[in-house]
Amino acid sequence: MAELPGAVGVSRLCVYDTLAPDGQVGGTPHLHLCCSEAYVVTSGEGLVETLNLDGFARTPLRQGAVVWFTPGTIHRLVNHGGLQIVVLMQNSGLPEAGDAVLTFPQHLLDDPETYAAAATLPDGGAPGSDLGAAFRRRDLAVEGFTVLAEAAKAGDLGPLKTFHQAAARLVRPRLAEWRRRWEGGARAVAEETGRQLDALERGDLAHFEAAAVHELAGPSERERRGMCGLLEVYHVRKG
């Protein structure tokens, strides 16, 4: 089976509807280091809180809206009622390989083993696993995010920059694996387009011979415990 268009990842997300320590309902703040992310809102209402070097912002989410953000943007979904989203992730395979760091308090970010113990869910968050663990992880990340956001609102981006550096240190051991996934996925798909353009310039339509239709009849998993809510995950199995 071919990669999804552009080698993106696709999932459906039902945003958590439980209360976080700051009195808001929703998901776990985190950032991605190499992957852009897009939301297509299919039902409900809410907002996404974001924090990057441009500062803190809230973007409303309503049915039909499309919102996306680039690497280095901390994001946190807030559910005002029935918020459901189709999520598109750049570089399918990289997010699954750990391209996300949660905004835990700084003392949990300083040691990779301590961070991993706080970030890892029982059974990897598999359907049927302890949902309370996902909420406890969310609450820790909200605690750290609140510190970063309040500092940024006061004009101090120092804590955010410190978090960025900690996030980069945490993922550094994974970079070689990420590169292999990118080379075999998103890069390979983009380079194939280049070869097709070259062929068309020559009048060569040979790649039409491999034209095919692919289908995923439904999600590979339902109710996986994600960072922001319950996920319906679509896995493209190749080979």
Protein backbone atom coordinates (compact mmCIF):
# COMPACT_ATOMS: atom_id res chain seq x y z
CA MET A 1 0.00 0.00 0.00
CA ALA A 2 1.29 3.46 -0.92
CA GLU A 3 1.90 6.24 1.57
CA LEU A 4 -0.99 8.60 2.18
CA PRO A 5 -0.72 11.75 0.00
CA GLY A 6 2.39 13.68 0.95
CA ALA A 7 3.28 10.94 3.45
CA VAL A 8 1.06 12.52 6.08
CA GLY A 9 -0.44 10.78 9.09
CA VAL A 10 -4.21 10.88 9.71
CA SER A 11 -6.20 10.30 12.87
CA ARG A 12 -9.58 11.25 14.32
CA LEU A 13 -9.53 12.87 17.74
CA CYS A 14 -12.24 13.15 20.39
CA VAL A 15 -10.77 15.79 22.71
CA TYR A 16 -10.70 14.96 26.42
CA ASP A 17 -13.67 16.34 28.35
CA THR A 18 -12.19 16.31 31.86
CA LEU A 19 -11.01 19.23 33.94
CA ALA A 20 -7.34 20.20 34.10
CA PRO A 21 -5.73 21.96 37.11
CA ASP A 22 -6.19 25.43 35.59
CA GLY A 23 -9.97 24.96 35.38
CA GLN A 24 -10.08 24.32 31.64
CA VAL A 25 -11.24 21.12 29.93
CA GLY A 26 -9.06 19.50 27.32
CA GLY A 27 -5.76 18.00 26.29
CA THR A 28 -2.06 17.90 27.05
CA PRO A 29 0.19 20.80 25.96
CA HIS A 30 3.24 19.73 23.97
CA LEU A 31 5.32 20.64 20.95
CA HIS A 32 6.70 18.83 17.91
CA LEU A 33 10.29 19.39 16.87
CA CYS A 34 10.16 18.44 13.17
CA CYS A 35 6.49 18.06 12.23
CA SER A 36 3.76 20.54 11.36
CA GLU A 37 0.27 19.60 12.51
CA ALA A 38 -3.18 20.54 11.15
CA TYR A 39 -6.66 20.34 12.65
CA VAL A 40 -9.86 19.98 10.62
CA VAL A 41 -12.73 20.54 13.05
CA THR A 42 -15.61 18.15 12.35
CA SER A 43 -17.89 18.89 15.32
CA GLY A 44 -18.15 20.75 18.59
CA GLU A 45 -16.40 23.89 19.74
CA GLY A 46 -13.28 24.87 21.60
CA LEU A 47 -9.96 26.52 21.01
CA VAL A 48 -6.27 25.78 20.71
CA GLU A 49 -3.86 27.61 22.98
CA THR A 50 -0.45 28.10 21.39
CA LEU A 51 2.87 29.41 22.60
CA ASN A 52 5.95 30.15 20.53
CA LEU A 53 8.48 32.95 20.28
CA ASP A 54 5.73 35.22 18.94
CA GLY A 55 3.95 34.79 22.28
CA PHE A 56 0.78 33.20 23.64
CA ALA A 57 -2.43 32.99 21.57
CA ARG A 58 -5.88 31.41 21.57
CA THR A 59 -7.44 30.37 18.25
CA PRO A 60 -11.16 29.45 18.20
CA LEU A 61 -12.11 26.04 16.83
CA ARG A 62 -15.55 25.53 15.28
CA GLN A 63 -16.94 23.04 12.81
CA GLY A 64 -15.35 23.55 9.41
CA ALA A 65 -12.28 25.41 10.67
CA VAL A 66 -8.78 24.37 9.60
CA VAL A 67 -5.90 25.42 11.84
CA TRP A 68 -2.25 24.39 11.53
CA PHE A 69 1.05 25.23 13.16
CA THR A 70 4.72 24.57 12.55
CA PRO A 71 7.43 22.86 14.66
CA GLY A 72 8.36 24.61 17.88
CA THR A 73 4.79 25.74 18.64
CA ILE A 74 3.47 24.47 21.96
CA HIS A 75 -0.22 23.65 21.53
CA ARG A 76 -3.00 22.66 23.88
CA LEU A 77 -6.60 21.85 22.92
CA VAL A 78 -9.43 23.22 25.06
CA ASN A 79 -12.84 21.55 24.71
CA HIS A 80 -15.93 23.73 25.06
CA GLY A 81 -18.26 20.87 24.17
CA GLY A 82 -18.13 17.87 21.84
CA LEU A 83 -14.88 18.92 20.14
CA GLN A 84 -13.85 16.39 17.49
CA ILE A 85 -11.07 16.86 14.97
CA VAL A 86 -9.38 15.15 12.06
CA VAL A 87 -5.64 15.55 12.65
CA LEU A 88 -3.10 15.66 9.82
CA MET A 89 0.53 15.17 10.82
CA GLN A 90 3.53 15.92 8.64
CA ASN A 91 6.18 13.20 8.25
CA SER A 92 4.10 10.16 9.13
CA GLY A 93 6.28 7.94 11.29
CA LEU A 94 8.14 10.72 13.09
CA PRO A 95 5.39 11.61 15.59
CA GLU A 96 4.95 7.90 16.31
CA ALA A 97 8.70 7.71 16.94
CA GLY A 98 8.57 10.36 19.63
CA ASP A 99 8.51 13.74 17.87
CA ALA A 100 6.68 15.38 20.74
CA VAL A 101 7.82 16.75 24.10
CA LEU A 102 5.33 17.55 26.84
CA THR A 103 5.54 20.76 28.85
CA PHE A 104 6.27 19.15 32.20
CA PRO A 105 7.74 21.24 35.02
CA GLN A 106 11.43 21.86 34.43
CA HIS A 107 12.71 19.38 37.03
CA LEU A 108 11.07 16.56 35.06
CA LEU A 109 12.76 17.66 31.83
CA ASP A 110 16.33 17.67 33.14
CA ASP A 111 16.76 13.89 33.21
CA PRO A 112 15.68 11.65 30.30
CA GLU A 113 14.69 8.75 32.56
CA THR A 114 12.61 10.96 34.82
CA TYR A 115 10.91 12.51 31.82
CA ALA A 116 10.20 9.12 30.24
CA ALA A 117 8.70 7.78 33.47
CA ALA A 118 6.28 10.72 33.62
CA ALA A 119 5.45 10.71 29.89
CA THR A 120 4.93 6.99 29.26
CA LEU A 121 1.42 5.59 29.67
CA PRO A 122 0.64 2.01 30.77
CA ASP A 123 0.60 -0.30 27.72
CA GLY A 124 1.69 2.68 25.64
CA GLY A 125 -1.80 4.17 25.85
CA ALA A 126 -3.37 1.21 24.08
CA PRO A 127 -7.18 1.03 23.94
CA GLY A 128 -8.54 -0.19 27.27
CA SER A 129 -5.52 0.97 29.27
CA ASP A 130 -5.73 3.25 32.33
CA LEU A 131 -7.36 6.50 31.21
CA GLY A 132 -6.56 8.11 34.56
CA ALA A 133 -2.85 7.89 33.73
CA ALA A 134 -3.46 10.02 30.63
CA PHE A 135 -5.20 12.64 32.75
CA ARG A 136 -2.40 12.67 35.33
CA ARG A 137 0.13 13.16 32.54
CA ARG A 138 -2.02 15.95 31.11
CA ASP A 139 -2.20 17.68 34.48
CA LEU A 140 1.58 17.65 34.89
CA ALA A 141 2.02 19.19 31.45
CA VAL A 142 -0.62 21.86 32.15
CA GLU A 143 1.29 22.76 35.33
CA GLY A 144 4.48 23.37 33.35
CA PHE A 145 2.66 25.08 30.48
CA THR A 146 1.03 27.56 32.85
CA VAL A 147 4.46 28.71 34.02
CA LEU A 148 5.69 29.15 30.44
CA ALA A 149 2.53 30.94 29.28
CA GLU A 150 2.37 33.34 32.23
CA ALA A 151 6.02 34.29 31.77
CA ALA A 152 5.45 34.90 28.04
CA LYS A 153 2.40 37.06 28.76
CA ALA A 154 4.61 39.15 31.05
CA GLY A 155 7.15 39.58 28.23
CA ASP A 156 9.64 36.99 29.48
CA LEU A 157 10.44 34.32 26.87
CA GLY A 158 13.37 32.97 28.87
CA PRO A 159 11.47 30.01 30.36
CA LEU A 160 10.15 29.07 26.91
CA LYS A 161 13.65 29.12 25.42
CA THR A 162 14.87 26.97 28.30
CA PHE A 163 12.08 24.50 27.55
CA HIS A 164 13.05 24.46 23.86
CA GLN A 165 16.62 23.55 24.77
CA ALA A 166 15.46 20.80 27.14
CA ALA A 167 13.17 19.37 24.45
CA ALA A 168 16.03 19.26 21.94
CA ARG A 169 18.27 17.44 24.43
CA LEU A 170 15.57 14.86 25.16
CA VAL A 171 15.07 13.88 21.51
CA ARG A 172 18.70 14.03 20.36
CA PRO A 173 19.26 10.26 20.76
CA ARG A 174 16.36 9.62 18.34
CA LEU A 175 17.48 11.84 15.49
CA ALA A 176 19.21 9.11 13.48
CA GLU A 177 16.02 7.01 13.57
CA TRP A 178 13.93 10.02 12.60
CA ARG A 179 16.20 10.68 9.63
CA ARG A 180 15.78 7.11 8.41
CA ARG A 181 11.99 7.39 8.67
CA TRP A 182 11.98 10.72 6.82
CA GLU A 183 14.24 9.42 4.07
CA GLY A 184 12.00 6.38 3.54
CA GLY A 185 8.75 8.35 3.84
CA ALA A 186 8.17 12.05 3.18
CA ARG A 187 11.46 12.63 1.37
CA ALA A 188 10.97 9.58 -0.86
CA VAL A 189 7.43 10.70 -1.76
CA ALA A 190 8.61 14.21 -2.65
CA GLU A 191 11.47 12.86 -4.76
CA GLU A 192 9.04 10.59 -6.61
CA THR A 193 7.12 13.70 -7.69
CA GLY A 194 10.38 15.07 -9.08
CA ARG A 195 10.91 11.90 -11.10
CA GLN A 196 7.34 12.12 -12.42
CA LEU A 197 7.88 15.72 -13.52
CA ASP A 198 11.07 14.70 -15.32
CA ALA A 199 9.19 11.87 -17.04
CA LEU A 200 6.36 14.16 -18.16
CA GLU A 201 8.87 16.55 -19.70
CA ARG A 202 10.13 13.61 -21.78
CA GLY A 203 6.59 12.58 -22.68
CA ASP A 204 7.03 9.41 -20.65
CA LEU A 205 3.81 8.21 -19.00
CA ALA A 206 5.20 4.95 -17.63
CA HIS A 207 4.24 5.81 -14.06
CA PHE A 208 0.58 5.70 -15.11
CA GLU A 209 1.00 1.93 -15.39
CA ALA A 210 1.30 1.76 -11.61
CA ALA A 211 -1.83 3.85 -11.00
CA ALA A 212 -3.89 2.30 -8.22
CA VAL A 213 -6.68 2.92 -5.75
CA HIS A 214 -6.03 2.32 -2.04
CA GLU A 215 -8.51 2.12 0.81
CA LEU A 216 -8.54 2.04 4.57
CA ALA A 217 -11.97 0.73 5.49
CA GLY A 218 -11.72 2.08 9.04
CA PRO A 219 -9.27 3.03 11.76
CA SER A 220 -6.63 0.55 12.84
CA GLU A 221 -7.25 1.41 16.49
CA ARG A 222 -10.07 3.07 18.38
CA GLU A 223 -9.88 4.95 21.69
CA ARG A 224 -6.10 5.01 21.92
CA ARG A 225 -5.13 7.29 24.79
CA GLY A 226 -3.48 10.23 23.04
CA MET A 227 -2.04 13.43 24.40
CA CYS A 228 -5.11 15.49 23.54
CA GLY A 229 -7.91 12.94 23.57
CA LEU A 230 -9.12 9.55 22.42
CA LEU A 231 -7.70 8.70 19.02
CA GLU A 232 -8.93 6.69 16.09
CA VAL A 233 -5.65 5.90 14.36
CA TYR A 234 -5.21 5.01 10.69
CA HIS A 235 -2.04 3.01 9.99
CA VAL A 236 -0.89 2.49 6.42
CA ARG A 237 0.84 -0.87 6.32
CA LYS A 238 3.19 -1.14 3.37
CA GLY A 239 4.73 -4.17 1.79
